[in-house]
Amino acid sequence: MSTKKEIQEDVDVLEQETQKHEIVLHNDDVNTFDFVIDSLIDVCEHTLEQAEQCTILVHYKGKCTVKTGEYDFLKPRCSKLLSLGLSAEIV
């Protein structure tokens, strides 16, 4: 019989294995804060607060992870960000 702790450890390992990719948004000198925030809300389903925090991190640190998950889940979202003129990649 598995304990609750063992089951949680199994779930944690599974989550790490399936969520091994992330979309990284890079800073640019073209897009406005408002545009990036609106794009993150629309494409990545961020809350306003999440989108604002990511946008600030991108501006000051040069990049920020904006979404994590399986590659097939991230690919259309990354493509959409790129089509909007943002600089993003899946790593």
PDB file of N, CA and C in Angstrom:
ATOM      1  N   MET A   1       0.848  -1.193   0.000  1.00  0.00           N
ATOM      2  CA  MET A   1       0.000   0.000   0.000  1.00  0.00           C
ATOM      3  C   MET A   1       0.890   1.253   0.000  1.00  0.00           C
ATOM      4  N   SER A   2       0.666   2.157  -0.956  1.00  0.00           N
ATOM      5  CA  SER A   2       1.456   3.387  -1.057  1.00  0.00           C
ATOM      6  C   SER A   2       0.992   4.395  -0.027  1.00  0.00           C
ATOM      7  N   THR A   3       1.951   5.093   0.516  1.00  0.00           N
ATOM      8  CA  THR A   3       1.594   6.165   1.437  1.00  0.00           C
ATOM      9  C   THR A   3       1.281   7.425   0.636  1.00  0.00           C
ATOM     10  N   LYS A   4       0.644   8.353   1.310  1.00  0.00           N
ATOM     11  CA  LYS A   4       0.310   9.624   0.659  1.00  0.00           C
ATOM     12  C   LYS A   4       1.583  10.342   0.199  1.00  0.00           C
ATOM     13  N   LYS A   5       2.647  10.241   0.995  1.00  0.00           N
ATOM     14  CA  LYS A   5       3.916  10.887   0.643  1.00  0.00           C
ATOM     15  C   LYS A   5       4.518  10.273  -0.625  1.00  0.00           C
ATOM     16  N   GLU A   6       4.469   8.948  -0.723  1.00  0.00           N
ATOM     17  CA  GLU A   6       5.006   8.277  -1.907  1.00  0.00           C
ATOM     18  C   GLU A   6       4.226   8.657  -3.158  1.00  0.00           C
ATOM     19  N   ILE A   7       2.920   8.731  -3.013  1.00  0.00           N
ATOM     20  CA  ILE A   7       2.076   9.113  -4.154  1.00  0.00           C
ATOM     21  C   ILE A   7       2.404  10.547  -4.586  1.00  0.00           C
ATOM     22  N   GLN A   8       2.552  11.450  -3.627  1.00  0.00           N
ATOM     23  CA  GLN A   8       2.884  12.842  -3.949  1.00  0.00           C
ATOM     24  C   GLN A   8       4.246  12.923  -4.636  1.00  0.00           C
ATOM     25  N   GLU A   9       5.207  12.119  -4.185  1.00  0.00           N
ATOM     26  CA  GLU A   9       6.525  12.107  -4.828  1.00  0.00           C
ATOM     27  C   GLU A   9       6.412  11.629  -6.275  1.00  0.00           C
ATOM     28  N   ASP A  10       5.572  10.614  -6.519  1.00  0.00           N
ATOM     29  CA  ASP A  10       5.356  10.128  -7.881  1.00  0.00           C
ATOM     30  C   ASP A  10       4.734  11.215  -8.752  1.00  0.00           C
ATOM     31  N   VAL A  11       3.766  11.942  -8.209  1.00  0.00           N
ATOM     32  CA  VAL A  11       3.122  13.035  -8.942  1.00  0.00           C
ATOM     33  C   VAL A  11       4.139  14.138  -9.242  1.00  0.00           C
ATOM     34  N   ASP A  12       4.975  14.469  -8.262  1.00  0.00           N
ATOM     35  CA  ASP A  12       5.992  15.501  -8.460  1.00  0.00           C
ATOM     36  C   ASP A  12       6.948  15.123  -9.583  1.00  0.00           C
ATOM     37  N   VAL A  13       7.378  13.860  -9.622  1.00  0.00           N
ATOM     38  CA  VAL A  13       8.287  13.397 -10.669  1.00  0.00           C
ATOM     39  C   VAL A  13       7.601  13.481 -12.033  1.00  0.00           C
ATOM     40  N   LEU A  14       6.352  13.045 -12.103  1.00  0.00           N
ATOM     41  CA  LEU A  14       5.606  13.108 -13.367  1.00  0.00           C
ATOM     42  C   LEU A  14       5.474  14.538 -13.852  1.00  0.00           C
ATOM     43  N   GLU A  15       5.166  15.463 -12.954  1.00  0.00           N
ATOM     44  CA  GLU A  15       5.031  16.872 -13.337  1.00  0.00           C
ATOM     45  C   GLU A  15       6.350  17.418 -13.853  1.00  0.00           C
ATOM     46  N   GLN A  16       7.452  17.045 -13.236  1.00  0.00           N
ATOM     47  CA  GLN A  16       8.758  17.514 -13.693  1.00  0.00           C
ATOM     48  C   GLN A  16       9.072  16.969 -15.072  1.00  0.00           C
ATOM     49  N   GLU A  17       8.684  15.728 -15.337  1.00  0.00           N
ATOM     50  CA  GLU A  17       8.978  15.113 -16.630  1.00  0.00           C
ATOM     51  C   GLU A  17       8.137  15.723 -17.747  1.00  0.00           C
ATOM     52  N   THR A  18       6.874  16.046 -17.467  1.00  0.00           N
ATOM     53  CA  THR A  18       6.006  16.560 -18.524  1.00  0.00           C
ATOM     54  C   THR A  18       6.155  18.070 -18.704  1.00  0.00           C
ATOM     55  N   GLN A  19       6.612  18.788 -17.698  1.00  0.00           N
ATOM     56  CA  GLN A  19       6.735  20.237 -17.803  1.00  0.00           C
ATOM     57  C   GLN A  19       8.192  20.651 -17.916  1.00  0.00           C
ATOM     58  N   LYS A  20       8.891  20.041 -18.861  1.00  0.00           N
ATOM     59  CA  LYS A  20      10.313  20.316 -18.961  1.00  0.00           C
ATOM     60  C   LYS A  20      10.643  21.421 -19.959  1.00  0.00           C
ATOM     61  N   HIS A  21       9.643  22.005 -20.582  1.00  0.00           N
ATOM     62  CA  HIS A  21       9.878  23.090 -21.536  1.00  0.00           C
ATOM     63  C   HIS A  21       9.281  24.390 -21.007  1.00  0.00           C
ATOM     64  N   GLU A  22       9.834  25.491 -21.499  1.00  0.00           N
ATOM     65  CA  GLU A  22       9.288  26.792 -21.103  1.00  0.00           C
ATOM     66  C   GLU A  22       9.442  27.784 -22.247  1.00  0.00           C
ATOM     67  N   ILE A  23       8.510  28.721 -22.281  1.00  0.00           N
ATOM     68  CA  ILE A  23       8.626  29.836 -23.222  1.00  0.00           C
ATOM     69  C   ILE A  23       9.371  30.954 -22.501  1.00  0.00           C
ATOM     70  N   VAL A  24      10.460  31.387 -23.110  1.00  0.00           N
ATOM     71  CA  VAL A  24      11.238  32.497 -22.565  1.00  0.00           C
ATOM     72  C   VAL A  24      11.013  33.709 -23.465  1.00  0.00           C
ATOM     73  N   LEU A  25      10.557  34.788 -22.855  1.00  0.00           N
ATOM     74  CA  LEU A  25      10.342  36.044 -23.575  1.00  0.00           C
ATOM     75  C   LEU A  25      11.569  36.919 -23.383  1.00  0.00           C
ATOM     76  N   HIS A  26      12.072  37.487 -24.484  1.00  0.00           N
ATOM     77  CA  HIS A  26      13.270  38.328 -24.440  1.00  0.00           C
ATOM     78  C   HIS A  26      12.906  39.798 -24.619  1.00  0.00           C
ATOM     79  N   ASN A  27      13.727  40.658 -24.058  1.00  0.00           N
ATOM     80  CA  ASN A  27      13.520  42.097 -24.154  1.00  0.00           C
ATOM     81  C   ASN A  27      13.777  42.586 -25.580  1.00  0.00           C
ATOM     82  N   ASP A  28      13.066  43.606 -25.972  1.00  0.00           N
ATOM     83  CA  ASP A  28      13.331  44.282 -27.243  1.00  0.00           C
ATOM     84  C   ASP A  28      13.114  45.774 -27.044  1.00  0.00           C
ATOM     85  N   ASP A  29      13.524  46.539 -28.026  1.00  0.00           N
ATOM     86  CA  ASP A  29      13.372  47.998 -27.939  1.00  0.00           C
ATOM     87  C   ASP A  29      12.196  48.493 -28.766  1.00  0.00           C
ATOM     88  N   VAL A  30      11.302  47.577 -29.136  1.00  0.00           N
ATOM     89  CA  VAL A  30      10.232  47.920 -30.071  1.00  0.00           C
ATOM     90  C   VAL A  30       8.868  47.994 -29.391  1.00  0.00           C
ATOM     91  N   ASN A  31       8.513  46.962 -28.636  1.00  0.00           N
ATOM     92  CA  ASN A  31       7.159  46.845 -28.091  1.00  0.00           C
ATOM     93  C   ASN A  31       6.990  47.593 -26.776  1.00  0.00           C
ATOM     94  N   THR A  32       5.814  48.167 -26.593  1.00  0.00           N
ATOM     95  CA  THR A  32       5.511  48.907 -25.369  1.00  0.00           C
ATOM     96  C   THR A  32       5.162  47.941 -24.241  1.00  0.00           C
ATOM     97  N   PHE A  33       5.269  48.434 -23.018  1.00  0.00           N
ATOM     98  CA  PHE A  33       4.873  47.639 -21.855  1.00  0.00           C
ATOM     99  C   PHE A  33       3.428  47.162 -22.014  1.00  0.00           C
ATOM    100  N   ASP A  34       2.545  48.079 -22.378  1.00  0.00           N
ATOM    101  CA  ASP A  34       1.117  47.730 -22.494  1.00  0.00           C
ATOM    102  C   ASP A  34       0.884  46.641 -23.529  1.00  0.00           C
ATOM    103  N   PHE A  35       1.586  46.713 -24.649  1.00  0.00           N
ATOM    104  CA  PHE A  35       1.421  45.701 -25.695  1.00  0.00           C
ATOM    105  C   PHE A  35       1.883  44.327 -25.206  1.00  0.00           C
ATOM    106  N   VAL A  36       3.031  44.294 -24.523  1.00  0.00           N
ATOM    107  CA  VAL A  36       3.556  43.029 -24.008  1.00  0.00           C
ATOM    108  C   VAL A  36       2.604  42.465 -22.950  1.00  0.00           C
ATOM    109  N   ILE A  37       2.129  43.310 -22.067  1.00  0.00           N
ATOM    110  CA  ILE A  37       1.181  42.872 -21.027  1.00  0.00           C
ATOM    111  C   ILE A  37      -0.075  42.297 -21.673  1.00  0.00           C
ATOM    112  N   ASP A  38      -0.659  43.018 -22.619  1.00  0.00           N
ATOM    113  CA  ASP A  38      -1.868  42.529 -23.300  1.00  0.00           C
ATOM    114  C   ASP A  38      -1.607  41.210 -24.027  1.00  0.00           C
ATOM    115  N   SER A  39      -0.436  41.085 -24.625  1.00  0.00           N
ATOM    116  CA  SER A  39      -0.083  39.858 -25.348  1.00  0.00           C
ATOM    117  C   SER A  39       0.034  38.673 -24.398  1.00  0.00           C
ATOM    118  N   LEU A  40       0.642  38.867 -23.241  1.00  0.00           N
ATOM    119  CA  LEU A  40       0.781  37.786 -22.268  1.00  0.00           C
ATOM    120  C   LEU A  40      -0.566  37.367 -21.700  1.00  0.00           C
ATOM    121  N   ILE A  41      -1.446  38.320 -21.497  1.00  0.00           N
ATOM    122  CA  ILE A  41      -2.792  38.000 -21.018  1.00  0.00           C
ATOM    123  C   ILE A  41      -3.534  37.190 -22.078  1.00  0.00           C
ATOM    124  N   ASP A  42      -3.438  37.615 -23.310  1.00  0.00           N
ATOM    125  CA  ASP A  42      -4.158  36.962 -24.408  1.00  0.00           C
ATOM    126  C   ASP A  42      -3.578  35.590 -24.745  1.00  0.00           C
ATOM    127  N   VAL A  43      -2.281  35.518 -24.934  1.00  0.00           N
ATOM    128  CA  VAL A  43      -1.643  34.295 -25.449  1.00  0.00           C
ATOM    129  C   VAL A  43      -1.334  33.296 -24.342  1.00  0.00           C
ATOM    130  N   CYS A  44      -0.813  33.771 -23.229  1.00  0.00           N
ATOM    131  CA  CYS A  44      -0.364  32.871 -22.159  1.00  0.00           C
ATOM    132  C   CYS A  44      -1.365  32.750 -21.018  1.00  0.00           C
ATOM    133  N   GLU A  45      -2.496  33.428 -21.152  1.00  0.00           N
ATOM    134  CA  GLU A  45      -3.563  33.387 -20.145  1.00  0.00           C
ATOM    135  C   GLU A  45      -3.083  33.857 -18.773  1.00  0.00           C
ATOM    136  N   HIS A  46      -2.215  34.869 -18.787  1.00  0.00           N
ATOM    137  CA  HIS A  46      -1.742  35.457 -17.529  1.00  0.00           C
ATOM    138  C   HIS A  46      -2.839  36.323 -16.924  1.00  0.00           C
ATOM    139  N   THR A  47      -2.775  36.493 -15.608  1.00  0.00           N
ATOM    140  CA  THR A  47      -3.564  37.536 -14.971  1.00  0.00           C
ATOM    141  C   THR A  47      -2.851  38.857 -15.256  1.00  0.00           C
ATOM    142  N   LEU A  48      -3.513  39.958 -15.008  1.00  0.00           N
ATOM    143  CA  LEU A  48      -2.885  41.267 -15.205  1.00  0.00           C
ATOM    144  C   LEU A  48      -1.600  41.362 -14.379  1.00  0.00           C
ATOM    145  N   GLU A  49      -1.664  40.891 -13.127  1.00  0.00           N
ATOM    146  CA  GLU A  49      -0.503  40.980 -12.240  1.00  0.00           C
ATOM    147  C   GLU A  49       0.656  40.134 -12.765  1.00  0.00           C
ATOM    148  N   GLN A  50       0.371  38.908 -13.216  1.00  0.00           N
ATOM    149  CA  GLN A  50       1.422  38.052 -13.768  1.00  0.00           C
ATOM    150  C   GLN A  50       2.069  38.714 -14.979  1.00  0.00           C
ATOM    151  N   ALA A  51       1.232  39.238 -15.863  1.00  0.00           N
ATOM    152  CA  ALA A  51       1.736  39.849 -17.092  1.00  0.00           C
ATOM    153  C   ALA A  51       2.599  41.069 -16.780  1.00  0.00           C
ATOM    154  N   GLU A  52       2.165  41.881 -15.827  1.00  0.00           N
ATOM    155  CA  GLU A  52       2.949  43.060 -15.440  1.00  0.00           C
ATOM    156  C   GLU A  52       4.296  42.653 -14.856  1.00  0.00           C
ATOM    157  N   GLN A  53       4.302  41.650 -13.970  1.00  0.00           N
ATOM    158  CA  GLN A  53       5.550  41.208 -13.345  1.00  0.00           C
ATOM    159  C   GLN A  53       6.515  40.651 -14.387  1.00  0.00           C
ATOM    160  N   CYS A  54       6.000  39.828 -15.308  1.00  0.00           N
ATOM    161  CA  CYS A  54       6.865  39.265 -16.354  1.00  0.00           C
ATOM    162  C   CYS A  54       7.435  40.368 -17.239  1.00  0.00           C
ATOM    163  N   THR A  55       6.611  41.341 -17.585  1.00  0.00           N
ATOM    164  CA  THR A  55       7.053  42.432 -18.444  1.00  0.00           C
ATOM    165  C   THR A  55       8.157  43.245 -17.774  1.00  0.00           C
ATOM    166  N   ILE A  56       8.010  43.492 -16.492  1.00  0.00           N
ATOM    167  CA  ILE A  56       9.044  44.219 -15.744  1.00  0.00           C
ATOM    168  C   ILE A  56      10.334  43.402 -15.684  1.00  0.00           C
ATOM    169  N   LEU A  57      10.208  42.085 -15.429  1.00  0.00           N
ATOM    170  CA  LEU A  57      11.399  41.231 -15.401  1.00  0.00           C
ATOM    171  C   LEU A  57      12.099  41.208 -16.752  1.00  0.00           C
ATOM    172  N   VAL A  58      11.333  41.110 -17.824  1.00  0.00           N
ATOM    173  CA  VAL A  58      11.926  41.112 -19.170  1.00  0.00           C
ATOM    174  C   VAL A  58      12.677  42.423 -19.396  1.00  0.00           C
ATOM    175  N   HIS A  59      12.059  43.517 -18.997  1.00  0.00           N
ATOM    176  CA  HIS A  59      12.671  44.831 -19.214  1.00  0.00           C
ATOM    177  C   HIS A  59      13.991  44.975 -18.453  1.00  0.00           C
ATOM    178  N   TYR A  60      14.010  44.579 -17.179  1.00  0.00           N
ATOM    179  CA  TYR A  60      15.192  44.803 -16.355  1.00  0.00           C
ATOM    180  C   TYR A  60      16.213  43.670 -16.383  1.00  0.00           C
ATOM    181  N   LYS A  61      15.764  42.438 -16.607  1.00  0.00           N
ATOM    182  CA  LYS A  61      16.677  41.289 -16.600  1.00  0.00           C
ATOM    183  C   LYS A  61      17.018  40.796 -18.008  1.00  0.00           C
ATOM    184  N   GLY A  62      16.252  41.247 -19.008  1.00  0.00           N
ATOM    185  CA  GLY A  62      16.529  40.846 -20.378  1.00  0.00           C
ATOM    186  C   GLY A  62      15.692  39.679 -20.881  1.00  0.00           C
ATOM    187  N   LYS A  63      15.164  38.879 -19.933  1.00  0.00           N
ATOM    188  CA  LYS A  63      14.320  37.757 -20.331  1.00  0.00           C
ATOM    189  C   LYS A  63      13.550  37.248 -19.122  1.00  0.00           C
ATOM    190  N   CYS A  64      12.507  36.460 -19.411  1.00  0.00           N
ATOM    191  CA  CYS A  64      11.683  35.900 -18.338  1.00  0.00           C
ATOM    192  C   CYS A  64      10.919  34.697 -18.884  1.00  0.00           C
ATOM    193  N   THR A  65      10.813  33.646 -18.085  1.00  0.00           N
ATOM    194  CA  THR A  65       9.972  32.511 -18.446  1.00  0.00           C
ATOM    195  C   THR A  65       8.521  32.930 -18.255  1.00  0.00           C
ATOM    196  N   VAL A  66       7.720  32.803 -19.323  1.00  0.00           N
ATOM    197  CA  VAL A  66       6.331  33.255 -19.257  1.00  0.00           C
ATOM    198  C   VAL A  66       5.321  32.113 -19.266  1.00  0.00           C
ATOM    199  N   LYS A  67       5.758  30.901 -19.612  1.00  0.00           N
ATOM    200  CA  LYS A  67       4.843  29.748 -19.614  1.00  0.00           C
ATOM    201  C   LYS A  67       5.675  28.476 -19.589  1.00  0.00           C
ATOM    202  N   THR A  68       5.229  27.487 -18.813  1.00  0.00           N
ATOM    203  CA  THR A  68       5.898  26.195 -18.780  1.00  0.00           C
ATOM    204  C   THR A  68       4.899  25.109 -19.132  1.00  0.00           C
ATOM    205  N   GLY A  69       5.407  24.001 -19.649  1.00  0.00           N
ATOM    206  CA  GLY A  69       4.537  22.889 -19.980  1.00  0.00           C
ATOM    207  C   GLY A  69       5.159  21.993 -21.021  1.00  0.00           C
ATOM    208  N   GLU A  70       4.322  21.139 -21.591  1.00  0.00           N
ATOM    209  CA  GLU A  70       4.786  20.236 -22.630  1.00  0.00           C
ATOM    210  C   GLU A  70       5.015  21.016 -23.924  1.00  0.00           C
ATOM    211  N   TYR A  71       5.963  20.545 -24.717  1.00  0.00           N
ATOM    212  CA  TYR A  71       6.331  21.236 -25.954  1.00  0.00           C
ATOM    213  C   TYR A  71       5.118  21.480 -26.863  1.00  0.00           C
ATOM    214  N   ASP A  72       4.292  20.452 -27.050  1.00  0.00           N
ATOM    215  CA  ASP A  72       3.130  20.590 -27.941  1.00  0.00           C
ATOM    216  C   ASP A  72       2.123  21.614 -27.442  1.00  0.00           C
ATOM    217  N   PHE A  73       2.080  21.821 -26.124  1.00  0.00           N
ATOM    218  CA  PHE A  73       1.209  22.834 -25.521  1.00  0.00           C
ATOM    219  C   PHE A  73       1.785  24.235 -25.737  1.00  0.00           C
ATOM    220  N   LEU A  74       3.109  24.337 -25.700  1.00  0.00           N
ATOM    221  CA  LEU A  74       3.774  25.646 -25.787  1.00  0.00           C
ATOM    222  C   LEU A  74       3.966  26.140 -27.215  1.00  0.00           C
ATOM    223  N   LYS A  75       4.170  25.236 -28.160  1.00  0.00           N
ATOM    224  CA  LYS A  75       4.518  25.627 -29.527  1.00  0.00           C
ATOM    225  C   LYS A  75       3.547  26.623 -30.148  1.00  0.00           C
ATOM    226  N   PRO A  76       2.225  26.384 -30.132  1.00  0.00           N
ATOM    227  CA  PRO A  76       1.325  27.380 -30.733  1.00  0.00           C
ATOM    228  C   PRO A  76       1.335  28.722 -30.002  1.00  0.00           C
ATOM    229  N   ARG A  77       1.555  28.693 -28.702  1.00  0.00           N
ATOM    230  CA  ARG A  77       1.605  29.938 -27.927  1.00  0.00           C
ATOM    231  C   ARG A  77       2.866  30.732 -28.274  1.00  0.00           C
ATOM    232  N   CYS A  78       3.976  30.041 -28.384  1.00  0.00           N
ATOM    233  CA  CYS A  78       5.219  30.712 -28.760  1.00  0.00           C
ATOM    234  C   CYS A  78       5.098  31.287 -30.170  1.00  0.00           C
ATOM    235  N   SER A  79       4.523  30.519 -31.078  1.00  0.00           N
ATOM    236  CA  SER A  79       4.325  30.993 -32.456  1.00  0.00           C
ATOM    237  C   SER A  79       3.460  32.248 -32.482  1.00  0.00           C
ATOM    238  N   LYS A  80       2.436  32.281 -31.648  1.00  0.00           N
ATOM    239  CA  LYS A  80       1.551  33.444 -31.581  1.00  0.00           C
ATOM    240  C   LYS A  80       2.317  34.673 -31.061  1.00  0.00           C
ATOM    241  N   LEU A  81       3.131  34.472 -30.030  1.00  0.00           N
ATOM    242  CA  LEU A  81       3.935  35.587 -29.510  1.00  0.00           C
ATOM    243  C   LEU A  81       4.874  36.117 -30.590  1.00  0.00           C
ATOM    244  N   LEU A  82       5.497  35.197 -31.328  1.00  0.00           N
ATOM    245  CA  LEU A  82       6.392  35.607 -32.417  1.00  0.00           C
ATOM    246  C   LEU A  82       5.633  36.364 -33.503  1.00  0.00           C
ATOM    247  N   SER A  83       4.427  35.891 -33.834  1.00  0.00           N
ATOM    248  CA  SER A  83       3.637  36.554 -34.881  1.00  0.00           C
ATOM    249  C   SER A  83       3.198  37.955 -34.460  1.00  0.00           C
ATOM    250  N   LEU A  84       3.143  38.180 -33.153  1.00  0.00           N
ATOM    251  CA  LEU A  84       2.801  39.517 -32.634  1.00  0.00           C
ATOM    252  C   LEU A  84       4.019  40.444 -32.627  1.00  0.00           C
ATOM    253  N   GLY A  85       5.183  39.898 -32.958  1.00  0.00           N
ATOM    254  CA  GLY A  85       6.390  40.723 -33.005  1.00  0.00           C
ATOM    255  C   GLY A  85       7.220  40.682 -31.740  1.00  0.00           C
ATOM    256  N   LEU A  86       6.882  39.754 -30.845  1.00  0.00           N
ATOM    257  CA  LEU A  86       7.663  39.614 -29.621  1.00  0.00           C
ATOM    258  C   LEU A  86       8.802  38.632 -29.866  1.00  0.00           C
ATOM    259  N   SER A  87       9.819  38.721 -29.051  1.00  0.00           N
ATOM    260  CA  SER A  87      10.970  37.836 -29.166  1.00  0.00           C
ATOM    261  C   SER A  87      10.843  36.740 -28.112  1.00  0.00           C
ATOM    262  N   ALA A  88      10.536  35.512 -28.561  1.00  0.00           N
ATOM    263  CA  ALA A  88      10.311  34.405 -27.634  1.00  0.00           C
ATOM    264  C   ALA A  88      10.896  33.126 -28.193  1.00  0.00           C
ATOM    265  N   GLU A  89      11.215  32.201 -27.294  1.00  0.00           N
ATOM    266  CA  GLU A  89      11.723  30.897 -27.716  1.00  0.00           C
ATOM    267  C   GLU A  89      11.283  29.849 -26.712  1.00  0.00           C
ATOM    268  N   ILE A  90      11.255  28.600 -27.161  1.00  0.00           N
ATOM    269  CA  ILE A  90      10.981  27.473 -26.264  1.00  0.00           C
ATOM    270  C   ILE A  90      12.319  26.841 -25.900  1.00  0.00           C
ATOM    271  N   VAL A  91      12.549  26.685 -24.603  1.00  0.00           N
ATOM    272  CA  VAL A  91      13.777  26.042 -24.137  1.00  0.00           C
ATOM    273  C   VAL A  91      13.437  24.846 -23.263  1.00  0.00           C
TER     274      VAL A  91
END
